[in-house]
Amino acid sequence: GDMRLIFREVLPILVPALLAYGLLLVAVAALAEAGLSYLGLSVPPPTPTLGQMMASEQSNVLDAPHAVFFPAGMLFLTIFALNLVGEEIQRRIDRRTSAA
């Protein structure tokens, strides 16, 4: 029936695409949260965020550059890793759909 067609034909193609898109949205959300917390518009200060860490140590960047660059590097690596995983999923989808 219709449900069998959906589960056998549509979902195997749709799920990896949605997963790749979801990973991209997580990366965008992480960057948006870091930007908002850098500006002081995110969670309250007792909760540590990468943006708050960068903002609080911005005035000491010449004395202790690692205090700013480690949170920035972690943000970069997180977003980069999410994008790499999303691209690999998309590449596998393209390979599978072009072979069919």
N, C-alpha and C. Protein backbone atom coordinates (compact mmCIF):
# COMPACT_ATOMS: atom_id res chain seq x y z
N GLY A 1 0.81 -1.18 0.00
CA GLY A 1 0.00 0.00 0.00
C GLY A 1 0.86 1.26 0.00
N ASP A 2 0.22 2.33 0.30
CA ASP A 2 0.89 3.64 0.29
C ASP A 2 1.98 3.74 1.37
N MET A 3 1.68 3.22 2.56
CA MET A 3 2.66 3.29 3.65
C MET A 3 3.91 2.47 3.32
N ARG A 4 3.72 1.34 2.71
CA ARG A 4 4.86 0.50 2.32
C ARG A 4 5.72 1.23 1.30
N LEU A 5 5.09 1.90 0.36
CA LEU A 5 5.82 2.68 -0.64
C LEU A 5 6.61 3.81 0.02
N ILE A 6 6.01 4.48 0.98
CA ILE A 6 6.70 5.57 1.68
C ILE A 6 7.90 5.04 2.44
N PHE A 7 7.73 3.94 3.17
CA PHE A 7 8.83 3.41 3.98
C PHE A 7 9.94 2.78 3.15
N ARG A 8 9.61 2.23 2.02
CA ARG A 8 10.63 1.55 1.20
C ARG A 8 11.31 2.46 0.19
N GLU A 9 10.61 3.47 -0.33
CA GLU A 9 11.14 4.28 -1.41
C GLU A 9 11.48 5.72 -1.00
N VAL A 10 10.63 6.33 -0.22
CA VAL A 10 10.80 7.75 0.09
C VAL A 10 11.71 7.96 1.29
N LEU A 11 11.48 7.29 2.38
CA LEU A 11 12.25 7.52 3.61
C LEU A 11 13.75 7.22 3.47
N PRO A 12 14.18 6.19 2.76
CA PRO A 12 15.63 5.98 2.63
C PRO A 12 16.36 7.14 1.94
N ILE A 13 15.68 7.89 1.12
CA ILE A 13 16.29 9.06 0.47
C ILE A 13 16.10 10.31 1.32
N LEU A 14 14.96 10.42 1.97
CA LEU A 14 14.62 11.61 2.72
C LEU A 14 15.38 11.74 4.04
N VAL A 15 15.57 10.67 4.77
CA VAL A 15 16.18 10.72 6.10
C VAL A 15 17.63 11.25 6.05
N PRO A 16 18.51 10.75 5.16
CA PRO A 16 19.87 11.31 5.14
C PRO A 16 19.90 12.78 4.74
N ALA A 17 19.02 13.19 3.84
CA ALA A 17 18.98 14.60 3.46
C ALA A 17 18.54 15.47 4.63
N LEU A 18 17.55 15.00 5.37
CA LEU A 18 17.10 15.75 6.55
C LEU A 18 18.18 15.77 7.63
N LEU A 19 18.94 14.70 7.76
CA LEU A 19 20.02 14.65 8.73
C LEU A 19 21.11 15.66 8.36
N ALA A 20 21.47 15.73 7.08
CA ALA A 20 22.47 16.70 6.64
C ALA A 20 21.98 18.13 6.87
N TYR A 21 20.71 18.38 6.57
CA TYR A 21 20.15 19.70 6.80
C TYR A 21 20.09 20.03 8.29
N GLY A 22 19.76 19.04 9.10
CA GLY A 22 19.72 19.24 10.55
C GLY A 22 21.09 19.59 11.12
N LEU A 23 22.13 18.94 10.62
CA LEU A 23 23.49 19.27 11.08
C LEU A 23 23.87 20.70 10.70
N LEU A 24 23.46 21.14 9.54
CA LEU A 24 23.72 22.51 9.13
C LEU A 24 22.99 23.48 10.06
N LEU A 25 21.76 23.15 10.42
CA LEU A 25 21.00 24.02 11.34
C LEU A 25 21.64 24.06 12.72
N VAL A 26 22.19 22.95 13.18
CA VAL A 26 22.87 22.94 14.49
C VAL A 26 24.10 23.85 14.44
N ALA A 27 24.85 23.81 13.33
CA ALA A 27 26.02 24.67 13.20
C ALA A 27 25.61 26.15 13.19
N VAL A 28 24.55 26.47 12.49
CA VAL A 28 24.06 27.86 12.45
C VAL A 28 23.58 28.29 13.84
N ALA A 29 22.90 27.40 14.54
CA ALA A 29 22.42 27.73 15.88
C ALA A 29 23.58 27.95 16.85
N ALA A 30 24.63 27.14 16.74
CA ALA A 30 25.80 27.31 17.61
C ALA A 30 26.47 28.65 17.35
N LEU A 31 26.59 29.02 16.09
CA LEU A 31 27.19 30.31 15.76
C LEU A 31 26.31 31.47 16.22
N ALA A 32 25.01 31.33 16.04
CA ALA A 32 24.10 32.39 16.49
C ALA A 32 24.14 32.55 18.00
N GLU A 33 24.16 31.44 18.73
CA GLU A 33 24.22 31.52 20.20
C GLU A 33 25.52 32.15 20.65
N ALA A 34 26.62 31.79 20.02
CA ALA A 34 27.91 32.38 20.40
C ALA A 34 27.92 33.88 20.12
N GLY A 35 27.36 34.27 18.99
CA GLY A 35 27.30 35.69 18.66
C GLY A 35 26.43 36.47 19.63
N LEU A 36 25.27 35.92 19.97
CA LEU A 36 24.40 36.60 20.92
C LEU A 36 25.00 36.66 22.32
N SER A 37 25.65 35.58 22.73
CA SER A 37 26.25 35.61 24.07
C SER A 37 27.48 36.52 24.10
N TYR A 38 28.17 36.67 22.99
CA TYR A 38 29.28 37.63 22.91
C TYR A 38 28.76 39.05 23.13
N LEU A 39 27.58 39.32 22.60
CA LEU A 39 26.97 40.64 22.78
C LEU A 39 26.25 40.79 24.12
N GLY A 40 26.16 39.71 24.89
CA GLY A 40 25.49 39.76 26.19
C GLY A 40 23.99 39.56 26.10
N LEU A 41 23.50 39.00 25.00
CA LEU A 41 22.06 38.84 24.79
C LEU A 41 21.61 37.39 24.91
N SER A 42 22.39 36.56 25.56
CA SER A 42 22.06 35.14 25.64
C SER A 42 21.77 34.76 27.09
N VAL A 43 22.20 33.59 27.49
CA VAL A 43 21.92 33.08 28.84
C VAL A 43 22.61 33.95 29.90
N PRO A 44 22.11 33.93 31.13
CA PRO A 44 22.72 34.73 32.19
C PRO A 44 24.18 34.34 32.45
N PRO A 45 25.00 35.25 32.93
CA PRO A 45 26.44 35.03 33.10
C PRO A 45 26.90 33.83 33.92
N PRO A 46 26.22 33.31 34.89
CA PRO A 46 26.82 32.13 35.55
C PRO A 46 26.96 30.93 34.62
N THR A 47 26.14 30.85 33.58
CA THR A 47 26.23 29.75 32.63
C THR A 47 27.31 30.06 31.61
N PRO A 48 28.34 29.22 31.52
CA PRO A 48 29.43 29.52 30.58
C PRO A 48 29.04 29.22 29.14
N THR A 49 29.35 30.14 28.24
CA THR A 49 29.20 29.93 26.81
C THR A 49 30.46 30.41 26.13
N LEU A 50 30.68 29.94 24.92
CA LEU A 50 31.89 30.33 24.20
C LEU A 50 31.92 31.83 23.91
N GLY A 51 30.77 32.39 23.57
CA GLY A 51 30.70 33.83 23.31
C GLY A 51 31.01 34.66 24.54
N GLN A 52 30.50 34.24 25.70
CA GLN A 52 30.79 34.97 26.94
C GLN A 52 32.26 34.86 27.31
N MET A 53 32.86 33.69 27.06
CA MET A 53 34.28 33.52 27.35
C MET A 53 35.12 34.46 26.49
N MET A 54 34.78 34.57 25.22
CA MET A 54 35.52 35.47 24.34
C MET A 54 35.31 36.93 24.73
N ALA A 55 34.08 37.30 25.06
CA ALA A 55 33.78 38.68 25.41
C ALA A 55 34.44 39.08 26.73
N SER A 56 34.45 38.18 27.71
CA SER A 56 35.01 38.54 29.01
C SER A 56 36.53 38.72 28.97
N GLU A 57 37.20 38.03 28.07
CA GLU A 57 38.66 38.12 27.98
C GLU A 57 39.14 39.01 26.84
N GLN A 58 38.23 39.70 26.19
CA GLN A 58 38.60 40.53 25.05
C GLN A 58 39.58 41.64 25.44
N SER A 59 39.41 42.22 26.61
CA SER A 59 40.29 43.31 27.02
C SER A 59 41.69 42.81 27.38
N ASN A 60 41.83 41.51 27.68
CA ASN A 60 43.13 40.94 28.05
C ASN A 60 43.77 40.16 26.89
N VAL A 61 43.35 40.42 25.67
CA VAL A 61 43.83 39.61 24.55
C VAL A 61 45.33 39.76 24.34
N LEU A 62 45.91 40.88 24.66
CA LEU A 62 47.36 41.04 24.49
C LEU A 62 48.13 40.34 25.60
N ASP A 63 47.58 40.28 26.80
CA ASP A 63 48.25 39.62 27.91
C ASP A 63 48.06 38.10 27.88
N ALA A 64 46.87 37.67 27.54
CA ALA A 64 46.56 36.23 27.52
C ALA A 64 45.74 35.91 26.27
N PRO A 65 46.38 35.81 25.12
CA PRO A 65 45.61 35.57 23.89
C PRO A 65 44.92 34.20 23.87
N HIS A 66 45.48 33.25 24.62
CA HIS A 66 44.86 31.91 24.64
C HIS A 66 43.46 31.94 25.25
N ALA A 67 43.18 32.89 26.14
CA ALA A 67 41.87 32.98 26.78
C ALA A 67 40.78 33.35 25.78
N VAL A 68 41.16 33.99 24.68
CA VAL A 68 40.19 34.33 23.63
C VAL A 68 40.23 33.32 22.51
N PHE A 69 41.42 32.86 22.16
CA PHE A 69 41.56 32.00 20.98
C PHE A 69 41.11 30.56 21.23
N PHE A 70 41.19 30.06 22.44
CA PHE A 70 40.70 28.70 22.70
C PHE A 70 39.18 28.59 22.52
N PRO A 71 38.38 29.50 23.11
CA PRO A 71 36.93 29.41 22.84
C PRO A 71 36.60 29.65 21.37
N ALA A 72 37.31 30.58 20.72
CA ALA A 72 37.06 30.82 19.30
C ALA A 72 37.45 29.60 18.47
N GLY A 73 38.55 28.97 18.84
CA GLY A 73 38.97 27.76 18.13
C GLY A 73 38.00 26.61 18.33
N MET A 74 37.47 26.47 19.54
CA MET A 74 36.49 25.42 19.80
C MET A 74 35.21 25.65 19.00
N LEU A 75 34.79 26.91 18.90
CA LEU A 75 33.62 27.23 18.10
C LEU A 75 33.88 26.90 16.63
N PHE A 76 35.05 27.28 16.14
CA PHE A 76 35.41 26.98 14.76
C PHE A 76 35.43 25.47 14.51
N LEU A 77 36.09 24.72 15.40
CA LEU A 77 36.19 23.28 15.21
C LEU A 77 34.82 22.58 15.27
N THR A 78 33.96 23.06 16.15
CA THR A 78 32.62 22.48 16.26
C THR A 78 31.83 22.69 14.97
N ILE A 79 31.82 23.92 14.47
CA ILE A 79 31.09 24.23 13.25
C ILE A 79 31.71 23.52 12.05
N PHE A 80 33.04 23.48 12.01
CA PHE A 80 33.73 22.81 10.91
C PHE A 80 33.42 21.31 10.90
N ALA A 81 33.43 20.68 12.07
CA ALA A 81 33.13 19.25 12.15
C ALA A 81 31.69 18.96 11.74
N LEU A 82 30.75 19.79 12.18
CA LEU A 82 29.36 19.59 11.79
C LEU A 82 29.19 19.73 10.28
N ASN A 83 29.88 20.70 9.68
CA ASN A 83 29.79 20.88 8.24
C ASN A 83 30.44 19.71 7.49
N LEU A 84 31.55 19.20 7.98
CA LEU A 84 32.18 18.05 7.34
C LEU A 84 31.28 16.82 7.37
N VAL A 85 30.65 16.57 8.50
CA VAL A 85 29.75 15.42 8.60
C VAL A 85 28.55 15.61 7.68
N GLY A 86 28.00 16.81 7.64
CA GLY A 86 26.88 17.09 6.75
C GLY A 86 27.24 16.94 5.29
N GLU A 87 28.43 17.41 4.91
CA GLU A 87 28.87 17.25 3.52
C GLU A 87 29.10 15.79 3.17
N GLU A 88 29.64 15.01 4.09
CA GLU A 88 29.85 13.59 3.82
C GLU A 88 28.52 12.87 3.64
N ILE A 89 27.55 13.20 4.46
CA ILE A 89 26.22 12.60 4.30
C ILE A 89 25.64 12.98 2.95
N GLN A 90 25.76 14.26 2.58
CA GLN A 90 25.24 14.71 1.30
C GLN A 90 25.96 14.03 0.14
N ARG A 91 27.27 13.84 0.26
CA ARG A 91 28.05 13.17 -0.78
C ARG A 91 27.59 11.72 -0.95
N ARG A 92 27.33 11.05 0.15
CA ARG A 92 26.85 9.68 0.07
C ARG A 92 25.45 9.61 -0.52
N ILE A 93 24.62 10.58 -0.22
CA ILE A 93 23.28 10.62 -0.82
C ILE A 93 23.41 10.80 -2.32
N ASP A 94 24.24 11.74 -2.75
CA ASP A 94 24.41 11.99 -4.18
C ASP A 94 24.96 10.76 -4.90
N ARG A 95 25.91 10.08 -4.28
CA ARG A 95 26.50 8.88 -4.88
C ARG A 95 25.45 7.78 -5.01
N ARG A 96 24.61 7.65 -3.98
CA ARG A 96 23.61 6.59 -3.99
C ARG A 96 22.49 6.89 -4.98
N THR A 97 22.06 8.14 -5.07
CA THR A 97 20.97 8.48 -6.00
C THR A 97 21.45 8.50 -7.45
N SER A 98 22.70 8.85 -7.69
CA SER A 98 23.19 8.84 -9.08
C SER A 98 23.45 7.43 -9.57
N ALA A 99 23.73 6.49 -8.67
CA ALA A 99 23.97 5.09 -9.06
C ALA A 99 22.67 4.38 -9.37
N ALA A 100 21.56 4.87 -8.82
CA ALA A 100 20.27 4.18 -9.02
C ALA A 100 19.66 4.49 -10.36
